Amino acid sequence: MSKTLYVLVGPTAVGKTEVSLQLAERLASPILSADSRQMFRDLPIGTAAPTAEDQARVEHYFVGTLALTDYYSAARFEAEALALCDHLFQTHDALVVSGGSMMYVDALCRGIDDLPTISPEVRADVLERYERQGLDALLAELRLLDPDYYALVDKRNHKRVVHALEIIYQSGTTFTSLRKGVHKERPFRIVKIGLQRPRPELFDRINRRTTAMVEAGFLEEAQRVLPFRECNSLNTVGYKEIFRYFDGDWPLDMALDRIRKNTRVYAKKQMTWLAKDPDIRWYHPDALLDHLDEAR
C-alpha cells in the first residue's frame, strides 16, 4: 500500500497539537482531528482546539464543525473520516490524524460494529427516564433485557448504560448480539505514533494549561455556553466543574483545582487505554521528528 495514515495519539496536554503541525508540515499533509469535543465550534478554549494560527499553518478537518446541540458519534466519524481519507489520498501519499478520543481513533483504524442510528424519540425517552428514575433503575432494566452486557458494562458510567438501552430499544434485540468487534481492513497503511512524557512532567503541563485557559478567557467562554449545559457536548471535564462555580456550589479556586484533578484522571484513563495497543510506537514529543524514519 502506497498510501499511509499517520495516527498521532497520546494523553491530553502531552503536546499533540504542535507535534501534529510539525509532522503534517514535514509530510505535506492536512490534519484530521480525532477529538470528539474539538468538533464543537463554541468550545475552542476549554477543548484546547487548534487556533486560527494553527489552522493557517496546516489545513484541518473536523474542527469547529458542529453546533453544541448537534448529535455526533464514533460511527458517524468512521464513515465521514473514511470518505475524507479516500478523497484526500487522491492527492496525498500521507495523511495525519491527531486526537485523544480513543473511540474515534479506533473507529477509523479498526472499525466499529454496525449499530442502528438512534432516533430522537428513543434518545429522548431513555434520557428522560435516566433523569427521572436514576442510574439504578436503568441498570435493573439492562440486567433484564441484556444480562450478558450487564455483566460487562461499567456500572458507574451512565453514558454506557444509556447507550446500551438506546440500542436495545432501537433495534429490538440485545446489544450483545450486535457487538461483534471484528477488525475491518483499511485500504491504506496505518502507522500509530504515541506521545508520552514522564508523569510528573505531564501533570505539570495539565496544571499549567488550566491556568492558561482561564487567562485566555475560559470563564467567559463557559458563561456563553451555560444555557446549553445539558447538551452532551458539554458533558466534559472543564465545563462541568466551572458550572458548579457558576451555580455557587464551589469557589473558583476549588472549581479550578477539580478541573486539574479530573483532567489528570482523564489522562490516566487515556494512557491505560493506549497501553493496550501493541501497534503504537512511543516517543517523547521533543524527539519524534528526529526519529521519524524509524517511526515510519
C-alpha atoms as a PDB file:
ATOM      1  CA  MET A   1       0.000   0.000   0.000  1.00  0.00           C
ATOM      2  CA  SER A   2       1.496   3.326  -1.064  1.00  0.00           C
ATOM      3  CA  LYS A   3      -0.863   5.461   0.998  1.00  0.00           C
ATOM      4  CA  THR A   4      -0.136   5.902   4.713  1.00  0.00           C
ATOM      5  CA  LEU A   5      -2.257   7.242   7.559  1.00  0.00           C
ATOM      6  CA  TYR A   6      -0.119   8.544  10.438  1.00  0.00           C
ATOM      7  CA  VAL A   7      -2.180   8.419  13.624  1.00  0.00           C
ATOM      8  CA  LEU A   8      -0.816  10.580  16.426  1.00  0.00           C
ATOM      9  CA  VAL A   9      -2.191   9.728  19.868  1.00  0.00           C
ATOM     10  CA  GLY A  10      -1.402  10.465  23.481  1.00  0.00           C
ATOM     11  CA  PRO A  11      -2.968  11.776  26.680  1.00  0.00           C
ATOM     12  CA  THR A  12      -4.415  15.246  26.973  1.00  0.00           C
ATOM     13  CA  ALA A  13      -1.831  18.061  27.307  1.00  0.00           C
ATOM     14  CA  VAL A  14       1.042  15.855  26.131  1.00  0.00           C
ATOM     15  CA  GLY A  15       1.680  18.187  23.182  1.00  0.00           C
ATOM     16  CA  LYS A  16      -0.134  16.571  20.254  1.00  0.00           C
ATOM     17  CA  THR A  17      -1.175  19.849  18.626  1.00  0.00           C
ATOM     18  CA  GLU A  18       2.301  21.258  17.984  1.00  0.00           C
ATOM     19  CA  VAL A  19       3.789  17.895  17.043  1.00  0.00           C
ATOM     20  CA  SER A  20       0.915  17.213  14.642  1.00  0.00           C
ATOM     21  CA  LEU A  21       1.559  20.560  12.956  1.00  0.00           C
ATOM     22  CA  GLN A  22       5.246  19.803  12.550  1.00  0.00           C
ATOM     23  CA  LEU A  23       4.539  16.271  11.320  1.00  0.00           C
ATOM     24  CA  ALA A  24       1.917  17.473   8.840  1.00  0.00           C
ATOM     25  CA  GLU A  25       4.280  20.140   7.519  1.00  0.00           C
ATOM     26  CA  ARG A  26       7.029  17.539   7.109  1.00  0.00           C
ATOM     27  CA  LEU A  27       4.663  15.224   5.214  1.00  0.00           C
ATOM     28  CA  ALA A  28       2.824  17.980   3.287  1.00  0.00           C
ATOM     29  CA  SER A  29      -0.409  16.676   4.754  1.00  0.00           C
ATOM     30  CA  PRO A  30      -3.598  18.161   6.185  1.00  0.00           C
ATOM     31  CA  ILE A  31      -4.664  17.143   9.711  1.00  0.00           C
ATOM     32  CA  LEU A  32      -7.782  15.163  10.550  1.00  0.00           C
ATOM     33  CA  SER A  33      -8.784  15.779  14.160  1.00  0.00           C
ATOM     34  CA  ALA A  34      -9.991  12.769  16.152  1.00  0.00           C
ATOM     35  CA  ASP A  35     -11.126  14.791  19.163  1.00  0.00           C
ATOM     36  CA  SER A  36     -14.818  14.432  19.941  1.00  0.00           C
ATOM     37  CA  ARG A  37     -15.032  17.820  21.678  1.00  0.00           C
ATOM     38  CA  GLN A  38     -12.929  19.976  19.359  1.00  0.00           C
ATOM     39  CA  MET A  39     -15.584  19.335  16.717  1.00  0.00           C
ATOM     40  CA  PHE A  40     -17.916  21.757  18.511  1.00  0.00           C
ATOM     41  CA  ARG A  41     -17.367  25.294  17.287  1.00  0.00           C
ATOM     42  CA  ASP A  42     -18.130  27.173  20.521  1.00  0.00           C
ATOM     43  CA  LEU A  43     -15.565  25.479  22.797  1.00  0.00           C
ATOM     44  CA  PRO A  44     -12.109  26.420  21.465  1.00  0.00           C
ATOM     45  CA  ILE A  45     -10.529  27.375  24.800  1.00  0.00           C
ATOM     46  CA  GLY A  46     -11.903  24.619  27.001  1.00  0.00           C
ATOM     47  CA  THR A  47     -11.071  21.916  24.440  1.00  0.00           C
ATOM     48  CA  ALA A  48      -7.638  23.361  23.520  1.00  0.00           C
ATOM     49  CA  ALA A  49      -8.682  23.302  19.877  1.00  0.00           C
ATOM     50  CA  PRO A  50      -6.208  24.298  17.161  1.00  0.00           C
ATOM     51  CA  THR A  51      -6.121  28.077  16.927  1.00  0.00           C
ATOM     52  CA  ALA A  52      -6.695  30.184  13.832  1.00  0.00           C
ATOM     53  CA  GLU A  53      -2.905  30.444  13.540  1.00  0.00           C
ATOM     54  CA  ASP A  54      -2.570  26.652  13.734  1.00  0.00           C
ATOM     55  CA  GLN A  55      -5.192  26.207  11.036  1.00  0.00           C
ATOM     56  CA  ALA A  56      -3.440  28.797   8.871  1.00  0.00           C
ATOM     57  CA  ARG A  57      -0.254  26.699   9.074  1.00  0.00           C
ATOM     58  CA  VAL A  58      -1.973  23.417   8.160  1.00  0.00           C
ATOM     59  CA  GLU A  59      -5.452  22.698   6.853  1.00  0.00           C
ATOM     60  CA  HIS A  60      -7.593  20.955   9.498  1.00  0.00           C
ATOM     61  CA  TYR A  61     -10.709  18.829   9.216  1.00  0.00           C
ATOM     62  CA  PHE A  62     -13.282  18.007  11.928  1.00  0.00           C
ATOM     63  CA  VAL A  63     -12.502  21.132  13.982  1.00  0.00           C
ATOM     64  CA  GLY A  64     -15.309  23.527  14.911  1.00  0.00           C
ATOM     65  CA  THR A  65     -17.829  21.988  12.527  1.00  0.00           C
ATOM     66  CA  LEU A  66     -20.714  21.194  14.900  1.00  0.00           C
ATOM     67  CA  ALA A  67     -23.223  23.197  16.919  1.00  0.00           C
ATOM     68  CA  LEU A  68     -23.457  22.401  20.619  1.00  0.00           C
ATOM     69  CA  THR A  69     -26.863  20.811  20.080  1.00  0.00           C
ATOM     70  CA  ASP A  70     -25.690  18.513  17.266  1.00  0.00           C
ATOM     71  CA  TYR A  71     -25.541  14.773  17.809  1.00  0.00           C
ATOM     72  CA  TYR A  72     -22.373  13.010  16.720  1.00  0.00           C
ATOM     73  CA  SER A  73     -20.955   9.534  17.232  1.00  0.00           C
ATOM     74  CA  ALA A  74     -17.916   7.366  16.623  1.00  0.00           C
ATOM     75  CA  ALA A  75     -19.869   5.517  13.932  1.00  0.00           C
ATOM     76  CA  ARG A  76     -20.531   8.753  12.065  1.00  0.00           C
ATOM     77  CA  PHE A  77     -16.896   9.753  12.453  1.00  0.00           C
ATOM     78  CA  GLU A  78     -15.795   6.412  10.993  1.00  0.00           C
ATOM     79  CA  ALA A  79     -17.943   6.904   7.898  1.00  0.00           C
ATOM     80  CA  GLU A  80     -17.058  10.565   7.353  1.00  0.00           C
ATOM     81  CA  ALA A  81     -13.343  10.181   8.068  1.00  0.00           C
ATOM     82  CA  LEU A  82     -13.028   7.190   5.737  1.00  0.00           C
ATOM     83  CA  ALA A  83     -14.774   9.096   2.948  1.00  0.00           C
ATOM     84  CA  LEU A  84     -12.473  12.068   3.529  1.00  0.00           C
ATOM     85  CA  CYS A  85      -9.371   9.847   3.507  1.00  0.00           C
ATOM     86  CA  ASP A  86     -10.473   8.334   0.221  1.00  0.00           C
ATOM     87  CA  HIS A  87     -10.797  11.840  -1.234  1.00  0.00           C
ATOM     88  CA  LEU A  88      -7.554  13.232   0.205  1.00  0.00           C
ATOM     89  CA  PHE A  89      -5.459  10.206  -0.741  1.00  0.00           C
ATOM     90  CA  GLN A  90      -6.140  11.059  -4.366  1.00  0.00           C
ATOM     91  CA  THR A  91      -3.720  13.983  -3.986  1.00  0.00           C
ATOM     92  CA  HIS A  92      -1.657  12.987  -0.914  1.00  0.00           C
ATOM     93  CA  ASP A  93       0.518   9.980  -0.180  1.00  0.00           C
ATOM     94  CA  ALA A  94       0.350  10.592   3.594  1.00  0.00           C
ATOM     95  CA  LEU A  95      -2.287  11.940   5.949  1.00  0.00           C
ATOM     96  CA  VAL A  96      -2.048  12.865   9.630  1.00  0.00           C
ATOM     97  CA  VAL A  97      -4.737  12.081  12.206  1.00  0.00           C
ATOM     98  CA  SER A  98      -4.349  13.572  15.666  1.00  0.00           C
ATOM     99  CA  GLY A  99      -6.570  13.275  18.697  1.00  0.00           C
ATOM    100  CA  GLY A 100      -7.225  11.951  22.151  1.00  0.00           C
ATOM    101  CA  SER A 101     -10.693  10.434  21.679  1.00  0.00           C
ATOM    102  CA  MET A 102      -9.747   6.799  21.640  1.00  0.00           C
ATOM    103  CA  MET A 103     -13.106   5.519  20.415  1.00  0.00           C
ATOM    104  CA  TYR A 104     -12.834   7.804  17.388  1.00  0.00           C
ATOM    105  CA  VAL A 105      -9.285   6.648  16.688  1.00  0.00           C
ATOM    106  CA  ASP A 106     -10.337   3.005  16.962  1.00  0.00           C
ATOM    107  CA  ALA A 107     -13.364   3.635  14.742  1.00  0.00           C
ATOM    108  CA  LEU A 108     -11.144   4.978  11.973  1.00  0.00           C
ATOM    109  CA  CYS A 109      -8.338   2.433  12.336  1.00  0.00           C
ATOM    110  CA  ARG A 110     -10.222  -0.744  13.226  1.00  0.00           C
ATOM    111  CA  GLY A 111     -13.871  -0.022  12.563  1.00  0.00           C
ATOM    112  CA  ILE A 112     -16.755  -0.362  14.958  1.00  0.00           C
ATOM    113  CA  ASP A 113     -19.838  -2.520  14.912  1.00  0.00           C
ATOM    114  CA  ASP A 114     -22.687  -1.557  12.587  1.00  0.00           C
ATOM    115  CA  LEU A 115     -25.218  -0.318  15.116  1.00  0.00           C
ATOM    116  CA  PRO A 116     -28.565   1.287  14.332  1.00  0.00           C
ATOM    117  CA  THR A 117     -28.929   5.052  14.260  1.00  0.00           C
ATOM    118  CA  ILE A 118     -30.809   6.151  17.352  1.00  0.00           C
ATOM    119  CA  SER A 119     -33.949   8.148  16.643  1.00  0.00           C
ATOM    120  CA  PRO A 120     -34.504  11.410  18.546  1.00  0.00           C
ATOM    121  CA  GLU A 121     -37.595   9.869  20.129  1.00  0.00           C
ATOM    122  CA  VAL A 122     -35.744   6.863  21.562  1.00  0.00           C
ATOM    123  CA  ARG A 123     -32.850   9.052  22.729  1.00  0.00           C
ATOM    124  CA  ALA A 124     -35.192  11.487  24.469  1.00  0.00           C
ATOM    125  CA  ASP A 125     -37.191   8.685  26.107  1.00  0.00           C
ATOM    126  CA  VAL A 126     -34.168   6.901  27.614  1.00  0.00           C
ATOM    127  CA  LEU A 127     -32.592  10.178  28.746  1.00  0.00           C
ATOM    128  CA  GLU A 128     -35.842  11.291  30.374  1.00  0.00           C
ATOM    129  CA  ARG A 129     -36.073   8.020  32.297  1.00  0.00           C
ATOM    130  CA  TYR A 130     -32.465   8.325  33.408  1.00  0.00           C
ATOM    131  CA  GLU A 131     -33.085  11.840  34.725  1.00  0.00           C
ATOM    132  CA  ARG A 132     -36.361  10.852  36.404  1.00  0.00           C
ATOM    133  CA  GLN A 133     -35.546   7.374  37.743  1.00  0.00           C
ATOM    134  CA  GLY A 134     -31.768   7.395  38.066  1.00  0.00           C
ATOM    135  CA  LEU A 135     -28.985   5.026  37.073  1.00  0.00           C
ATOM    136  CA  ASP A 136     -30.013   2.122  39.302  1.00  0.00           C
ATOM    137  CA  ALA A 137     -33.392   1.811  37.561  1.00  0.00           C
ATOM    138  CA  LEU A 138     -31.736   1.742  34.134  1.00  0.00           C
ATOM    139  CA  LEU A 139     -29.232  -0.850  35.323  1.00  0.00           C
ATOM    140  CA  ALA A 140     -32.065  -3.077  36.512  1.00  0.00           C
ATOM    141  CA  GLU A 141     -33.707  -2.725  33.105  1.00  0.00           C
ATOM    142  CA  LEU A 142     -30.461  -3.540  31.310  1.00  0.00           C
ATOM    143  CA  ARG A 143     -29.945  -6.603  33.509  1.00  0.00           C
ATOM    144  CA  LEU A 144     -33.370  -7.864  32.482  1.00  0.00           C
ATOM    145  CA  LEU A 145     -33.056  -7.104  28.738  1.00  0.00           C
ATOM    146  CA  ASP A 146     -29.388  -7.962  28.147  1.00  0.00           C
ATOM    147  CA  PRO A 147     -27.809  -9.813  31.083  1.00  0.00           C
ATOM    148  CA  ASP A 148     -24.620 -10.564  29.150  1.00  0.00           C
ATOM    149  CA  TYR A 149     -23.842  -6.906  28.502  1.00  0.00           C
ATOM    150  CA  TYR A 150     -24.955  -6.021  32.030  1.00  0.00           C
ATOM    151  CA  ALA A 151     -22.199  -8.310  33.320  1.00  0.00           C
ATOM    152  CA  LEU A 152     -19.585  -6.401  31.281  1.00  0.00           C
ATOM    153  CA  VAL A 153     -20.662  -2.754  31.424  1.00  0.00           C
ATOM    154  CA  ASP A 154     -19.043  -0.181  33.699  1.00  0.00           C
ATOM    155  CA  LYS A 155     -21.986   0.259  36.061  1.00  0.00           C
ATOM    156  CA  ARG A 156     -20.810   3.707  37.149  1.00  0.00           C
ATOM    157  CA  ASN A 157     -20.748   5.041  33.589  1.00  0.00           C
ATOM    158  CA  HIS A 158     -24.284   6.203  32.893  1.00  0.00           C
ATOM    159  CA  LYS A 159     -23.488   7.051  29.255  1.00  0.00           C
ATOM    160  CA  ARG A 160     -22.615   3.409  28.513  1.00  0.00           C
ATOM    161  CA  VAL A 161     -25.798   2.182  30.210  1.00  0.00           C
ATOM    162  CA  VAL A 162     -27.990   4.747  28.451  1.00  0.00           C
ATOM    163  CA  HIS A 163     -26.399   3.955  25.086  1.00  0.00           C
ATOM    164  CA  ALA A 164     -26.951   0.209  25.523  1.00  0.00           C
ATOM    165  CA  LEU A 165     -30.639   0.730  26.256  1.00  0.00           C
ATOM    166  CA  GLU A 166     -30.957   3.073  23.274  1.00  0.00           C
ATOM    167  CA  ILE A 167     -29.533   0.344  21.025  1.00  0.00           C
ATOM    168  CA  ILE A 168     -31.828  -2.297  22.509  1.00  0.00           C
ATOM    169  CA  TYR A 169     -34.967  -0.224  22.021  1.00  0.00           C
ATOM    170  CA  GLN A 170     -33.992   0.982  18.558  1.00  0.00           C
ATOM    171  CA  SER A 171     -33.020  -2.467  17.255  1.00  0.00           C
ATOM    172  CA  GLY A 172     -35.447  -4.699  19.111  1.00  0.00           C
ATOM    173  CA  THR A 173     -32.617  -7.057  20.017  1.00  0.00           C
ATOM    174  CA  THR A 174     -29.817  -7.232  22.578  1.00  0.00           C
ATOM    175  CA  PHE A 175     -26.767  -5.002  22.443  1.00  0.00           C
ATOM    176  CA  THR A 176     -24.651  -8.136  22.928  1.00  0.00           C
ATOM    177  CA  SER A 177     -25.888  -9.690  19.672  1.00  0.00           C
ATOM    178  CA  LEU A 178     -24.790  -6.598  17.721  1.00  0.00           C
ATOM    179  CA  ARG A 179     -21.323  -6.272  19.282  1.00  0.00           C
ATOM    180  CA  LYS A 180     -19.038  -8.330  17.051  1.00  0.00           C
ATOM    181  CA  GLY A 181     -15.752  -6.456  17.481  1.00  0.00           C
ATOM    182  CA  VAL A 182     -14.458  -7.531  14.054  1.00  0.00           C
ATOM    183  CA  HIS A 183     -11.324  -5.712  12.885  1.00  0.00           C
ATOM    184  CA  LYS A 184     -12.125  -4.172   9.496  1.00  0.00           C
ATOM    185  CA  GLU A 185      -9.367  -3.930   6.908  1.00  0.00           C
ATOM    186  CA  ARG A 186      -8.469  -0.492   5.563  1.00  0.00           C
ATOM    187  CA  PRO A 187      -7.223   0.273   2.027  1.00  0.00           C
ATOM    188  CA  PHE A 188      -4.211   2.169   3.380  1.00  0.00           C
ATOM    189  CA  ARG A 189      -1.282   1.580   5.691  1.00  0.00           C
ATOM    190  CA  ILE A 190      -1.683   2.768   9.291  1.00  0.00           C
ATOM    191  CA  VAL A 191       1.249   3.936  11.416  1.00  0.00           C
ATOM    192  CA  LYS A 192       0.347   4.677  15.029  1.00  0.00           C
ATOM    193  CA  ILE A 193       2.629   7.063  16.901  1.00  0.00           C
ATOM    194  CA  GLY A 194       2.178   7.657  20.615  1.00  0.00           C
ATOM    195  CA  LEU A 195       3.434  10.688  22.507  1.00  0.00           C
ATOM    196  CA  GLN A 196       4.359  10.266  26.150  1.00  0.00           C
ATOM    197  CA  ARG A 197       6.036  12.246  28.905  1.00  0.00           C
ATOM    198  CA  PRO A 198       7.109  11.300  32.435  1.00  0.00           C
ATOM    199  CA  ARG A 199       4.012  11.520  34.605  1.00  0.00           C
ATOM    200  CA  PRO A 200       5.226  14.484  36.741  1.00  0.00           C
ATOM    201  CA  GLU A 201       6.009  16.413  33.553  1.00  0.00           C
ATOM    202  CA  LEU A 202       2.597  15.633  32.045  1.00  0.00           C
ATOM    203  CA  PHE A 203       0.718  16.546  35.208  1.00  0.00           C
ATOM    204  CA  ASP A 204       2.606  19.822  35.479  1.00  0.00           C
ATOM    205  CA  ARG A 205       1.563  20.655  31.920  1.00  0.00           C
ATOM    206  CA  ILE A 206      -2.061  19.865  32.796  1.00  0.00           C
ATOM    207  CA  ASN A 207      -1.940  22.139  35.821  1.00  0.00           C
ATOM    208  CA  ARG A 208      -0.365  24.993  33.872  1.00  0.00           C
ATOM    209  CA  ARG A 209      -2.766  24.575  30.969  1.00  0.00           C
ATOM    210  CA  THR A 210      -5.735  25.063  33.286  1.00  0.00           C
ATOM    211  CA  THR A 211      -4.291  28.384  34.431  1.00  0.00           C
ATOM    212  CA  ALA A 212      -3.586  29.380  30.826  1.00  0.00           C
ATOM    213  CA  MET A 213      -7.176  28.554  29.847  1.00  0.00           C
ATOM    214  CA  VAL A 214      -8.514  30.983  32.442  1.00  0.00           C
ATOM    215  CA  GLU A 215      -6.121  33.670  31.258  1.00  0.00           C
ATOM    216  CA  ALA A 216      -7.294  33.086  27.671  1.00  0.00           C
ATOM    217  CA  GLY A 217     -10.957  33.667  28.581  1.00  0.00           C
ATOM    218  CA  PHE A 218     -12.266  30.237  29.569  1.00  0.00           C
ATOM    219  CA  LEU A 219     -14.701  31.604  32.172  1.00  0.00           C
ATOM    220  CA  GLU A 220     -16.261  33.912  29.606  1.00  0.00           C
ATOM    221  CA  GLU A 221     -16.491  31.063  27.094  1.00  0.00           C
ATOM    222  CA  ALA A 222     -18.152  28.804  29.669  1.00  0.00           C
ATOM    223  CA  GLN A 223     -20.596  31.563  30.613  1.00  0.00           C
ATOM    224  CA  ARG A 224     -21.638  31.929  26.963  1.00  0.00           C
ATOM    225  CA  VAL A 225     -22.432  28.229  26.609  1.00  0.00           C
ATOM    226  CA  LEU A 226     -24.085  27.881  30.034  1.00  0.00           C
ATOM    227  CA  PRO A 227     -27.614  27.786  28.508  1.00  0.00           C
ATOM    228  CA  PHE A 228     -26.575  24.577  26.699  1.00  0.00           C
ATOM    229  CA  ARG A 229     -25.203  22.842  29.787  1.00  0.00           C
ATOM    230  CA  GLU A 230     -27.499  19.815  29.390  1.00  0.00           C
ATOM    231  CA  CYS A 231     -26.144  19.047  25.911  1.00  0.00           C
ATOM    232  CA  ASN A 232     -23.839  16.052  25.612  1.00  0.00           C
ATOM    233  CA  SER A 233     -21.217  18.323  24.036  1.00  0.00           C
ATOM    234  CA  LEU A 234     -20.720  19.961  27.439  1.00  0.00           C
ATOM    235  CA  ASN A 235     -20.624  16.752  29.447  1.00  0.00           C
ATOM    236  CA  THR A 236     -16.862  17.007  29.664  1.00  0.00           C
ATOM    237  CA  VAL A 237     -14.053  17.916  32.047  1.00  0.00           C
ATOM    238  CA  GLY A 238     -13.673  21.647  32.487  1.00  0.00           C
ATOM    239  CA  TYR A 239     -17.194  22.807  31.798  1.00  0.00           C
ATOM    240  CA  LYS A 240     -18.871  20.531  34.347  1.00  0.00           C
ATOM    241  CA  GLU A 241     -16.639  21.851  37.124  1.00  0.00           C
ATOM    242  CA  ILE A 242     -16.864  25.520  36.182  1.00  0.00           C
ATOM    243  CA  PHE A 243     -20.656  25.275  36.021  1.00  0.00           C
ATOM    244  CA  ARG A 244     -20.559  24.308  39.699  1.00  0.00           C
ATOM    245  CA  TYR A 245     -18.756  27.614  40.306  1.00  0.00           C
ATOM    246  CA  PHE A 246     -21.444  29.495  38.372  1.00  0.00           C
ATOM    247  CA  ASP A 247     -24.104  27.697  40.454  1.00  0.00           C
ATOM    248  CA  GLY A 248     -22.449  28.919  43.642  1.00  0.00           C
ATOM    249  CA  ASP A 249     -21.623  25.380  44.810  1.00  0.00           C
ATOM    250  CA  TRP A 250     -17.842  25.851  44.709  1.00  0.00           C
ATOM    251  CA  PRO A 251     -15.486  28.826  44.955  1.00  0.00           C
ATOM    252  CA  LEU A 252     -13.439  29.472  41.821  1.00  0.00           C
ATOM    253  CA  ASP A 253     -10.197  28.076  43.257  1.00  0.00           C
ATOM    254  CA  MET A 254     -11.948  24.824  44.143  1.00  0.00           C
ATOM    255  CA  ALA A 255     -13.529  24.512  40.697  1.00  0.00           C
ATOM    256  CA  LEU A 256     -10.147  25.031  39.008  1.00  0.00           C
ATOM    257  CA  ASP A 257      -8.493  22.510  41.305  1.00  0.00           C
ATOM    258  CA  ARG A 258     -11.187  19.997  40.380  1.00  0.00           C
ATOM    259  CA  ILE A 259     -10.548  20.665  36.689  1.00  0.00           C
ATOM    260  CA  ARG A 260      -6.851  19.965  37.210  1.00  0.00           C
ATOM    261  CA  LYS A 261      -7.568  16.813  39.189  1.00  0.00           C
ATOM    262  CA  ASN A 262     -10.205  15.442  36.806  1.00  0.00           C
ATOM    263  CA  THR A 263      -8.027  16.197  33.792  1.00  0.00           C
ATOM    264  CA  ARG A 264      -5.202  14.209  35.386  1.00  0.00           C
ATOM    265  CA  VAL A 265      -7.636  11.332  35.994  1.00  0.00           C
ATOM    266  CA  TYR A 266      -8.763  11.507  32.364  1.00  0.00           C
ATOM    267  CA  ALA A 267      -5.141  11.459  31.190  1.00  0.00           C
ATOM    268  CA  LYS A 268      -4.518   8.304  33.238  1.00  0.00           C
ATOM    269  CA  LYS A 269      -7.521   6.626  31.596  1.00  0.00           C
ATOM    270  CA  GLN A 270      -6.213   7.570  28.168  1.00  0.00           C
ATOM    271  CA  MET A 271      -2.779   6.136  28.976  1.00  0.00           C
ATOM    272  CA  THR A 272      -4.339   2.900  30.256  1.00  0.00           C
ATOM    273  CA  TRP A 273      -6.363   2.529  27.060  1.00  0.00           C
ATOM    274  CA  LEU A 274      -3.407   3.291  24.801  1.00  0.00           C
ATOM    275  CA  ALA A 275      -1.076   0.932  26.661  1.00  0.00           C
ATOM    276  CA  LYS A 276      -3.214  -1.984  25.441  1.00  0.00           C
ATOM    277  CA  ASP A 277      -2.427  -1.258  21.784  1.00  0.00           C
ATOM    278  CA  PRO A 278       0.748  -3.099  20.718  1.00  0.00           C
ATOM    279  CA  ASP A 279       0.872  -1.259  17.375  1.00  0.00           C
ATOM    280  CA  ILE A 280       1.724   2.120  18.903  1.00  0.00           C
ATOM    281  CA  ARG A 281       5.354   3.275  18.725  1.00  0.00           C
ATOM    282  CA  TRP A 282       6.132   5.606  21.609  1.00  0.00           C
ATOM    283  CA  TYR A 283       8.213   8.812  21.612  1.00  0.00           C
ATOM    284  CA  HIS A 284       8.720  11.876  23.731  1.00  0.00           C
ATOM    285  CA  PRO A 285       7.170  14.834  21.849  1.00  0.00           C
ATOM    286  CA  ASP A 286      10.561  16.557  21.616  1.00  0.00           C
ATOM    287  CA  ALA A 287      12.151  13.503  19.984  1.00  0.00           C
ATOM    288  CA  LEU A 288       9.619  12.283  17.432  1.00  0.00           C
ATOM    289  CA  LEU A 289      10.707  14.269  14.387  1.00  0.00           C
ATOM    290  CA  ASP A 290      14.330  13.237  14.931  1.00  0.00           C
ATOM    291  CA  HIS A 291      13.176   9.600  14.770  1.00  0.00           C
ATOM    292  CA  LEU A 292      10.519   9.956  12.082  1.00  0.00           C
ATOM    293  CA  ASP A 293      12.194   7.498   9.692  1.00  0.00           C
ATOM    294  CA  GLU A 294      12.220   4.938  12.494  1.00  0.00           C
ATOM    295  CA  ALA A 295       8.577   5.661  13.310  1.00  0.00           C
ATOM    296  CA  ARG A 296       7.588   5.024   9.715  1.00  0.00           C
END
